[in-house]
Amino acid sequence: MKLYHGTDKFGLSETQKQGYLLHKRANILFPSMSPCTYLATTIKEARQYGDIVLEVDYDPNENPKMNNYNPDSWQVRVYEPIYKFEIT
């Protein structure tokens, strides 16, 4: 399934440095939040979150415990690293 992640130059640089797509979410108020990445179902939706869009081929049914896939939603929250992505 083709899904999309919107980001900016800094986000792309950080993703390229770590070698995979998985964002840290922990902060001072919520230190226990687990890392995750939001993927949109359309490029248009992903562009609302950054001018750089990464295309990901991700099967949410392969490991359903690692995401919150709902076929009626505009997004998927993924809790595992995504190693393959392309800049669209």
PDB file of N, CA and C in Angstrom:
ATOM      1  N   MET A   1       0.848  -1.162   0.000  1.00  0.00           N
ATOM      2  CA  MET A   1       0.000   0.000   0.000  1.00  0.00           C
ATOM      3  C   MET A   1       0.903   1.236   0.000  1.00  0.00           C
ATOM      4  N   LYS A   2       0.637   2.177  -0.889  1.00  0.00           N
ATOM      5  CA  LYS A   2       1.397   3.423  -0.934  1.00  0.00           C
ATOM      6  C   LYS A   2       0.829   4.398   0.094  1.00  0.00           C
ATOM      7  N   LEU A   3       1.708   4.868   0.978  1.00  0.00           N
ATOM      8  CA  LEU A   3       1.345   5.861   1.984  1.00  0.00           C
ATOM      9  C   LEU A   3       2.392   6.965   1.937  1.00  0.00           C
ATOM     10  N   TYR A   4       2.096   8.110   2.572  1.00  0.00           N
ATOM     11  CA  TYR A   4       2.938   9.291   2.417  1.00  0.00           C
ATOM     12  C   TYR A   4       3.184   9.972   3.756  1.00  0.00           C
ATOM     13  N   HIS A   5       4.378  10.536   3.878  1.00  0.00           N
ATOM     14  CA  HIS A   5       4.756  11.251   5.100  1.00  0.00           C
ATOM     15  C   HIS A   5       5.259  12.631   4.716  1.00  0.00           C
ATOM     16  N   GLY A   6       4.629  13.674   5.245  1.00  0.00           N
ATOM     17  CA  GLY A   6       5.060  15.043   4.992  1.00  0.00           C
ATOM     18  C   GLY A   6       6.086  15.487   6.017  1.00  0.00           C
ATOM     19  N   THR A   7       7.131  16.153   5.566  1.00  0.00           N
ATOM     20  CA  THR A   7       8.178  16.624   6.463  1.00  0.00           C
ATOM     21  C   THR A   7       8.819  17.886   5.886  1.00  0.00           C
ATOM     22  N   ASP A   8       9.818  18.395   6.579  1.00  0.00           N
ATOM     23  CA  ASP A   8      10.568  19.548   6.091  1.00  0.00           C
ATOM     24  C   ASP A   8      12.031  19.141   5.919  1.00  0.00           C
ATOM     25  N   LYS A   9      12.899  20.109   5.553  1.00  0.00           N
ATOM     26  CA  LYS A   9      14.314  19.789   5.322  1.00  0.00           C
ATOM     27  C   LYS A   9      14.977  19.221   6.570  1.00  0.00           C
ATOM     28  N   PHE A  10      14.662  19.775   7.731  1.00  0.00           N
ATOM     29  CA  PHE A  10      15.248  19.272   8.976  1.00  0.00           C
ATOM     30  C   PHE A  10      14.795  17.838   9.247  1.00  0.00           C
ATOM     31  N   GLY A  11      13.497  17.575   9.110  1.00  0.00           N
ATOM     32  CA  GLY A  11      12.965  16.233   9.338  1.00  0.00           C
ATOM     33  C   GLY A  11      13.562  15.217   8.380  1.00  0.00           C
ATOM     34  N   LEU A  12      13.716  15.604   7.110  1.00  0.00           N
ATOM     35  CA  LEU A  12      14.324  14.710   6.134  1.00  0.00           C
ATOM     36  C   LEU A  12      15.772  14.425   6.496  1.00  0.00           C
ATOM     37  N   SER A  13      16.498  15.459   6.897  1.00  0.00           N
ATOM     38  CA  SER A  13      17.898  15.294   7.290  1.00  0.00           C
ATOM     39  C   SER A  13      18.026  14.340   8.473  1.00  0.00           C
ATOM     40  N   GLU A  14      17.177  14.497   9.481  1.00  0.00           N
ATOM     41  CA  GLU A  14      17.210  13.623  10.658  1.00  0.00           C
ATOM     42  C   GLU A  14      16.869  12.174  10.278  1.00  0.00           C
ATOM     43  N   THR A  15      15.891  12.002   9.403  1.00  0.00           N
ATOM     44  CA  THR A  15      15.508  10.662   8.954  1.00  0.00           C
ATOM     45  C   THR A  15      16.661  10.008   8.202  1.00  0.00           C
ATOM     46  N   GLN A  16      17.321  10.769   7.342  1.00  0.00           N
ATOM     47  CA  GLN A  16      18.435  10.227   6.582  1.00  0.00           C
ATOM     48  C   GLN A  16      19.617   9.882   7.498  1.00  0.00           C
ATOM     49  N   LYS A  17      19.856  10.696   8.528  1.00  0.00           N
ATOM     50  CA  LYS A  17      20.940  10.412   9.478  1.00  0.00           C
ATOM     51  C   LYS A  17      20.701   9.110  10.228  1.00  0.00           C
ATOM     52  N   GLN A  18      19.465   8.891  10.694  1.00  0.00           N
ATOM     53  CA  GLN A  18      19.208   7.677  11.467  1.00  0.00           C
ATOM     54  C   GLN A  18      19.006   6.463  10.569  1.00  0.00           C
ATOM     55  N   GLY A  19      18.729   6.677   9.292  1.00  0.00           N
ATOM     56  CA  GLY A  19      18.629   5.571   8.346  1.00  0.00           C
ATOM     57  C   GLY A  19      17.264   4.919   8.252  1.00  0.00           C
ATOM     58  N   TYR A  20      16.286   5.486   8.914  1.00  0.00           N
ATOM     59  CA  TYR A  20      14.925   4.950   8.861  1.00  0.00           C
ATOM     60  C   TYR A  20      13.955   6.034   9.308  1.00  0.00           C
ATOM     61  N   LEU A  21      12.696   5.812   8.999  1.00  0.00           N
ATOM     62  CA  LEU A  21      11.626   6.741   9.347  1.00  0.00           C
ATOM     63  C   LEU A  21      10.944   6.249  10.615  1.00  0.00           C
ATOM     64  N   LEU A  22      11.135   6.966  11.720  1.00  0.00           N
ATOM     65  CA  LEU A  22      10.463   6.712  12.997  1.00  0.00           C
ATOM     66  C   LEU A  22      10.752   7.919  13.880  1.00  0.00           C
ATOM     67  N   HIS A  23       9.735   8.690  14.176  1.00  0.00           N
ATOM     68  CA  HIS A  23       9.913   9.947  14.893  1.00  0.00           C
ATOM     69  C   HIS A  23       9.818   9.777  16.401  1.00  0.00           C
ATOM     70  N   LYS A  24      10.669  10.509  17.092  1.00  0.00           N
ATOM     71  CA  LYS A  24      10.588  10.543  18.550  1.00  0.00           C
ATOM     72  C   LYS A  24       9.411  11.438  18.928  1.00  0.00           C
ATOM     73  N   ARG A  25       8.607  11.011  19.890  1.00  0.00           N
ATOM     74  CA  ARG A  25       7.475  11.837  20.317  1.00  0.00           C
ATOM     75  C   ARG A  25       7.579  12.259  21.771  1.00  0.00           C
ATOM     76  N   ALA A  26       8.466  11.649  22.520  1.00  0.00           N
ATOM     77  CA  ALA A  26       8.571  11.972  23.943  1.00  0.00           C
ATOM     78  C   ALA A  26       8.946  13.442  24.123  1.00  0.00           C
ATOM     79  N   ASN A  27       8.397  14.045  25.142  1.00  0.00           N
ATOM     80  CA  ASN A  27       8.736  15.430  25.461  1.00  0.00           C
ATOM     81  C   ASN A  27       8.654  15.608  26.981  1.00  0.00           C
ATOM     82  N   ILE A  28       8.869  16.789  27.440  1.00  0.00           N
ATOM     83  CA  ILE A  28       8.893  17.051  28.882  1.00  0.00           C
ATOM     84  C   ILE A  28       7.562  16.689  29.542  1.00  0.00           C
ATOM     85  N   LEU A  29       6.456  17.014  28.913  1.00  0.00           N
ATOM     86  CA  LEU A  29       5.145  16.737  29.501  1.00  0.00           C
ATOM     87  C   LEU A  29       4.753  15.263  29.432  1.00  0.00           C
ATOM     88  N   PHE A  30       5.200  14.570  28.377  1.00  0.00           N
ATOM     89  CA  PHE A  30       4.841  13.169  28.169  1.00  0.00           C
ATOM     90  C   PHE A  30       6.088  12.349  27.839  1.00  0.00           C
ATOM     91  N   PRO A  31       6.963  12.114  28.821  1.00  0.00           N
ATOM     92  CA  PRO A  31       8.227  11.426  28.538  1.00  0.00           C
ATOM     93  C   PRO A  31       8.077   9.966  28.132  1.00  0.00           C
ATOM     94  N   SER A  32       6.946   9.355  28.398  1.00  0.00           N
ATOM     95  CA  SER A  32       6.795   7.934  28.083  1.00  0.00           C
ATOM     96  C   SER A  32       6.167   7.667  26.711  1.00  0.00           C
ATOM     97  N   MET A  33       5.898   8.699  25.939  1.00  0.00           N
ATOM     98  CA  MET A  33       5.289   8.489  24.630  1.00  0.00           C
ATOM     99  C   MET A  33       6.229   7.693  23.731  1.00  0.00           C
ATOM    100  N   SER A  34       5.710   6.672  23.091  1.00  0.00           N
ATOM    101  CA  SER A  34       6.541   5.836  22.235  1.00  0.00           C
ATOM    102  C   SER A  34       6.744   6.505  20.871  1.00  0.00           C
ATOM    103  N   PRO A  35       7.886   6.230  20.244  1.00  0.00           N
ATOM    104  CA  PRO A  35       8.144   6.782  18.910  1.00  0.00           C
ATOM    105  C   PRO A  35       7.117   6.256  17.905  1.00  0.00           C
ATOM    106  N   CYS A  36       6.742   7.100  16.973  1.00  0.00           N
ATOM    107  CA  CYS A  36       5.843   6.665  15.906  1.00  0.00           C
ATOM    108  C   CYS A  36       5.962   7.614  14.719  1.00  0.00           C
ATOM    109  N   THR A  37       5.416   7.185  13.613  1.00  0.00           N
ATOM    110  CA  THR A  37       5.377   7.993  12.404  1.00  0.00           C
ATOM    111  C   THR A  37       3.957   8.000  11.879  1.00  0.00           C
ATOM    112  N   TYR A  38       3.479   9.166  11.496  1.00  0.00           N
ATOM    113  CA  TYR A  38       2.167   9.276  10.870  1.00  0.00           C
ATOM    114  C   TYR A  38       2.341   9.192   9.359  1.00  0.00           C
ATOM    115  N   LEU A  39       1.551   8.351   8.733  1.00  0.00           N
ATOM    116  CA  LEU A  39       1.546   8.221   7.280  1.00  0.00           C
ATOM    117  C   LEU A  39       0.154   8.577   6.781  1.00  0.00           C
ATOM    118  N   ALA A  40       0.106   9.401   5.764  1.00  0.00           N
ATOM    119  CA  ALA A  40      -1.169   9.816   5.171  1.00  0.00           C
ATOM    120  C   ALA A  40      -1.497   8.921   3.976  1.00  0.00           C
ATOM    121  N   THR A  41      -2.769   8.851   3.649  1.00  0.00           N
ATOM    122  CA  THR A  41      -3.199   8.016   2.523  1.00  0.00           C
ATOM    123  C   THR A  41      -3.085   8.741   1.184  1.00  0.00           C
ATOM    124  N   THR A  42      -2.904  10.073   1.214  1.00  0.00           N
ATOM    125  CA  THR A  42      -2.756  10.830  -0.033  1.00  0.00           C
ATOM    126  C   THR A  42      -1.581  11.805   0.067  1.00  0.00           C
ATOM    127  N   ILE A  43      -1.006  12.127  -1.074  1.00  0.00           N
ATOM    128  CA  ILE A  43       0.072  13.122  -1.117  1.00  0.00           C
ATOM    129  C   ILE A  43      -0.455  14.471  -0.651  1.00  0.00           C
ATOM    130  N   LYS A  44      -1.659  14.810  -1.053  1.00  0.00           N
ATOM    131  CA  LYS A  44      -2.263  16.085  -0.681  1.00  0.00           C
ATOM    132  C   LYS A  44      -2.323  16.239   0.839  1.00  0.00           C
ATOM    133  N   GLU A  45      -2.747  15.205   1.525  1.00  0.00           N
ATOM    134  CA  GLU A  45      -2.824  15.256   2.989  1.00  0.00           C
ATOM    135  C   GLU A  45      -1.427  15.364   3.591  1.00  0.00           C
ATOM    136  N   ALA A  46      -0.476  14.606   3.077  1.00  0.00           N
ATOM    137  CA  ALA A  46       0.893  14.637   3.607  1.00  0.00           C
ATOM    138  C   ALA A  46       1.524  16.024   3.436  1.00  0.00           C
ATOM    139  N   ARG A  47       1.234  16.710   2.336  1.00  0.00           N
ATOM    140  CA  ARG A  47       1.813  18.043   2.079  1.00  0.00           C
ATOM    141  C   ARG A  47       1.383  19.075   3.126  1.00  0.00           C
ATOM    142  N   GLN A  48       0.314  18.817   3.829  1.00  0.00           N
ATOM    143  CA  GLN A  48      -0.113  19.734   4.883  1.00  0.00           C
ATOM    144  C   GLN A  48       0.838  19.704   6.076  1.00  0.00           C
ATOM    145  N   TYR A  49       1.717  18.700   6.122  1.00  0.00           N
ATOM    146  CA  TYR A  49       2.646  18.544   7.241  1.00  0.00           C
ATOM    147  C   TYR A  49       4.089  18.814   6.846  1.00  0.00           C
ATOM    148  N   GLY A  50       4.315  19.230   5.623  1.00  0.00           N
ATOM    149  CA  GLY A  50       5.653  19.593   5.175  1.00  0.00           C
ATOM    150  C   GLY A  50       5.728  19.653   3.662  1.00  0.00           C
ATOM    151  N   ASP A  51       6.674  20.432   3.162  1.00  0.00           N
ATOM    152  CA  ASP A  51       6.792  20.595   1.715  1.00  0.00           C
ATOM    153  C   ASP A  51       7.551  19.450   1.052  1.00  0.00           C
ATOM    154  N   ILE A  52       8.120  18.556   1.838  1.00  0.00           N
ATOM    155  CA  ILE A  52       8.779  17.359   1.318  1.00  0.00           C
ATOM    156  C   ILE A  52       7.898  16.166   1.669  1.00  0.00           C
ATOM    157  N   VAL A  53       7.602  15.356   0.676  1.00  0.00           N
ATOM    158  CA  VAL A  53       6.747  14.191   0.905  1.00  0.00           C
ATOM    159  C   VAL A  53       7.537  12.921   0.598  1.00  0.00           C
ATOM    160  N   LEU A  54       7.526  12.027   1.562  1.00  0.00           N
ATOM    161  CA  LEU A  54       8.165  10.721   1.398  1.00  0.00           C
ATOM    162  C   LEU A  54       7.092   9.695   1.062  1.00  0.00           C
ATOM    163  N   GLU A  55       7.353   8.888   0.053  1.00  0.00           N
ATOM    164  CA  GLU A  55       6.441   7.813  -0.317  1.00  0.00           C
ATOM    165  C   GLU A  55       6.944   6.523   0.314  1.00  0.00           C
ATOM    166  N   VAL A  56       6.046   5.812   0.951  1.00  0.00           N
ATOM    167  CA  VAL A  56       6.377   4.585   1.675  1.00  0.00           C
ATOM    168  C   VAL A  56       5.489   3.459   1.153  1.00  0.00           C
ATOM    169  N   ASP A  57       6.074   2.316   0.912  1.00  0.00           N
ATOM    170  CA  ASP A  57       5.293   1.133   0.575  1.00  0.00           C
ATOM    171  C   ASP A  57       5.182   0.337   1.868  1.00  0.00           C
ATOM    172  N   TYR A  58       4.034   0.431   2.540  1.00  0.00           N
ATOM    173  CA  TYR A  58       3.847  -0.154   3.867  1.00  0.00           C
ATOM    174  C   TYR A  58       2.582  -0.997   3.883  1.00  0.00           C
ATOM    175  N   ASP A  59       2.687  -2.219   4.364  1.00  0.00           N
ATOM    176  CA  ASP A  59       1.529  -3.099   4.480  1.00  0.00           C
ATOM    177  C   ASP A  59       1.083  -3.134   5.940  1.00  0.00           C
ATOM    178  N   PRO A  60       0.040  -2.400   6.306  1.00  0.00           N
ATOM    179  CA  PRO A  60      -0.400  -2.362   7.701  1.00  0.00           C
ATOM    180  C   PRO A  60      -0.960  -3.686   8.203  1.00  0.00           C
ATOM    181  N   ASN A  61      -1.271  -4.592   7.293  1.00  0.00           N
ATOM    182  CA  ASN A  61      -1.811  -5.890   7.701  1.00  0.00           C
ATOM    183  C   ASN A  61      -0.702  -6.899   8.020  1.00  0.00           C
ATOM    184  N   GLU A  62       0.542  -6.580   7.633  1.00  0.00           N
ATOM    185  CA  GLU A  62       1.651  -7.502   7.863  1.00  0.00           C
ATOM    186  C   GLU A  62       1.970  -7.650   9.352  1.00  0.00           C
ATOM    187  N   ASN A  63       1.921  -6.553  10.080  1.00  0.00           N
ATOM    188  CA  ASN A  63       2.196  -6.579  11.514  1.00  0.00           C
ATOM    189  C   ASN A  63       1.216  -5.620  12.206  1.00  0.00           C
ATOM    190  N   PRO A  64      -0.047  -5.995  12.330  1.00  0.00           N
ATOM    191  CA  PRO A  64      -1.079  -5.074  12.814  1.00  0.00           C
ATOM    192  C   PRO A  64      -0.859  -4.547  14.237  1.00  0.00           C
ATOM    193  N   LYS A  65      -0.060  -5.209  15.043  1.00  0.00           N
ATOM    194  CA  LYS A  65       0.201  -4.722  16.401  1.00  0.00           C
ATOM    195  C   LYS A  65       1.166  -3.541  16.400  1.00  0.00           C
ATOM    196  N   MET A  66       1.787  -3.261  15.245  1.00  0.00           N
ATOM    197  CA  MET A  66       2.755  -2.168  15.164  1.00  0.00           C
ATOM    198  C   MET A  66       2.186  -0.923  14.494  1.00  0.00           C
ATOM    199  N   ASN A  67       0.866  -0.854  14.335  1.00  0.00           N
ATOM    200  CA  ASN A  67       0.253   0.333  13.744  1.00  0.00           C
ATOM    201  C   ASN A  67      -1.213   0.412  14.169  1.00  0.00           C
ATOM    202  N   ASN A  68      -1.840   1.514  13.821  1.00  0.00           N
ATOM    203  CA  ASN A  68      -3.265   1.681  14.149  1.00  0.00           C
ATOM    204  C   ASN A  68      -4.099   1.813  12.880  1.00  0.00           C
ATOM    205  N   TYR A  69      -3.831   0.981  11.909  1.00  0.00           N
ATOM    206  CA  TYR A  69      -4.505   1.056  10.612  1.00  0.00           C
ATOM    207  C   TYR A  69      -6.016   0.897  10.728  1.00  0.00           C
ATOM    208  N   ASN A  70      -6.716   1.804  10.075  1.00  0.00           N
ATOM    209  CA  ASN A  70      -8.171   1.756   9.941  1.00  0.00           C
ATOM    210  C   ASN A  70      -8.451   2.155   8.494  1.00  0.00           C
ATOM    211  N   PRO A  71      -9.043   1.286   7.687  1.00  0.00           N
ATOM    212  CA  PRO A  71      -9.235   1.593   6.272  1.00  0.00           C
ATOM    213  C   PRO A  71     -10.089   2.830   6.004  1.00  0.00           C
ATOM    214  N   ASP A  72     -10.831   3.309   6.982  1.00  0.00           N
ATOM    215  CA  ASP A  72     -11.672   4.486   6.790  1.00  0.00           C
ATOM    216  C   ASP A  72     -10.993   5.780   7.230  1.00  0.00           C
ATOM    217  N   SER A  73      -9.758   5.699   7.689  1.00  0.00           N
ATOM    218  CA  SER A  73      -9.055   6.875   8.207  1.00  0.00           C
ATOM    219  C   SER A  73      -8.132   7.476   7.143  1.00  0.00           C
ATOM    220  N   TRP A  74      -7.791   8.745   7.331  1.00  0.00           N
ATOM    221  CA  TRP A  74      -6.876   9.434   6.413  1.00  0.00           C
ATOM    222  C   TRP A  74      -5.423   9.161   6.752  1.00  0.00           C
ATOM    223  N   GLN A  75      -5.164   8.512   7.891  1.00  0.00           N
ATOM    224  CA  GLN A  75      -3.777   8.317   8.309  1.00  0.00           C
ATOM    225  C   GLN A  75      -3.588   6.977   9.008  1.00  0.00           C
ATOM    226  N   VAL A  76      -2.307   6.571   9.067  1.00  0.00           N
ATOM    227  CA  VAL A  76      -1.902   5.376   9.801  1.00  0.00           C
ATOM    228  C   VAL A  76      -0.783   5.800  10.736  1.00  0.00           C
ATOM    229  N   ARG A  77      -0.866   5.428  11.988  1.00  0.00           N
ATOM    230  CA  ARG A  77       0.213   5.691  12.940  1.00  0.00           C
ATOM    231  C   ARG A  77       1.026   4.403  13.058  1.00  0.00           C
ATOM    232  N   VAL A  78       2.331   4.486  12.761  1.00  0.00           N
ATOM    233  CA  VAL A  78       3.201   3.313  12.695  1.00  0.00           C
ATOM    234  C   VAL A  78       4.225   3.382  13.821  1.00  0.00           C
ATOM    235  N   TYR A  79       4.385   2.270  14.549  1.00  0.00           N
ATOM    236  CA  TYR A  79       5.289   2.207  15.697  1.00  0.00           C
ATOM    237  C   TYR A  79       6.547   1.384  15.432  1.00  0.00           C
ATOM    238  N   GLU A  80       6.878   1.171  14.186  1.00  0.00           N
ATOM    239  CA  GLU A  80       8.087   0.426  13.834  1.00  0.00           C
ATOM    240  C   GLU A  80       8.884   1.228  12.809  1.00  0.00           C
ATOM    241  N   PRO A  81      10.202   1.027  12.761  1.00  0.00           N
ATOM    242  CA  PRO A  81      11.013   1.750  11.778  1.00  0.00           C
ATOM    243  C   PRO A  81      10.632   1.369  10.351  1.00  0.00           C
ATOM    244  N   ILE A  82      10.654   2.350   9.477  1.00  0.00           N
ATOM    245  CA  ILE A  82      10.412   2.128   8.052  1.00  0.00           C
ATOM    246  C   ILE A  82      11.716   2.462   7.344  1.00  0.00           C
ATOM    247  N   TYR A  83      12.325   1.452   6.746  1.00  0.00           N
ATOM    248  CA  TYR A  83      13.654   1.618   6.161  1.00  0.00           C
ATOM    249  C   TYR A  83      13.618   2.021   4.688  1.00  0.00           C
ATOM    250  N   LYS A  84      12.534   1.761   3.999  1.00  0.00           N
ATOM    251  CA  LYS A  84      12.461   2.081   2.572  1.00  0.00           C
ATOM    252  C   LYS A  84      11.453   3.190   2.340  1.00  0.00           C
ATOM    253  N   PHE A  85      11.949   4.274   1.762  1.00  0.00           N
ATOM    254  CA  PHE A  85      11.077   5.399   1.414  1.00  0.00           C
ATOM    255  C   PHE A  85      11.720   6.166   0.272  1.00  0.00           C
ATOM    256  N   GLU A  86      10.911   6.863  -0.485  1.00  0.00           N
ATOM    257  CA  GLU A  86      11.390   7.684  -1.602  1.00  0.00           C
ATOM    258  C   GLU A  86      10.829   9.077  -1.458  1.00  0.00           C
ATOM    259  N   ILE A  87      11.615  10.058  -1.862  1.00  0.00           N
ATOM    260  CA  ILE A  87      11.146  11.439  -1.890  1.00  0.00           C
ATOM    261  C   ILE A  87      10.325  11.618  -3.171  1.00  0.00           C
ATOM    262  N   THR A  88       9.081  12.093  -3.018  1.00  0.00           N
ATOM    263  CA  THR A  88       8.236  12.276  -4.205  1.00  0.00           C
ATOM    264  C   THR A  88       8.377  13.671  -4.750  1.00  0.00           C
TER     265      THR A  88
END
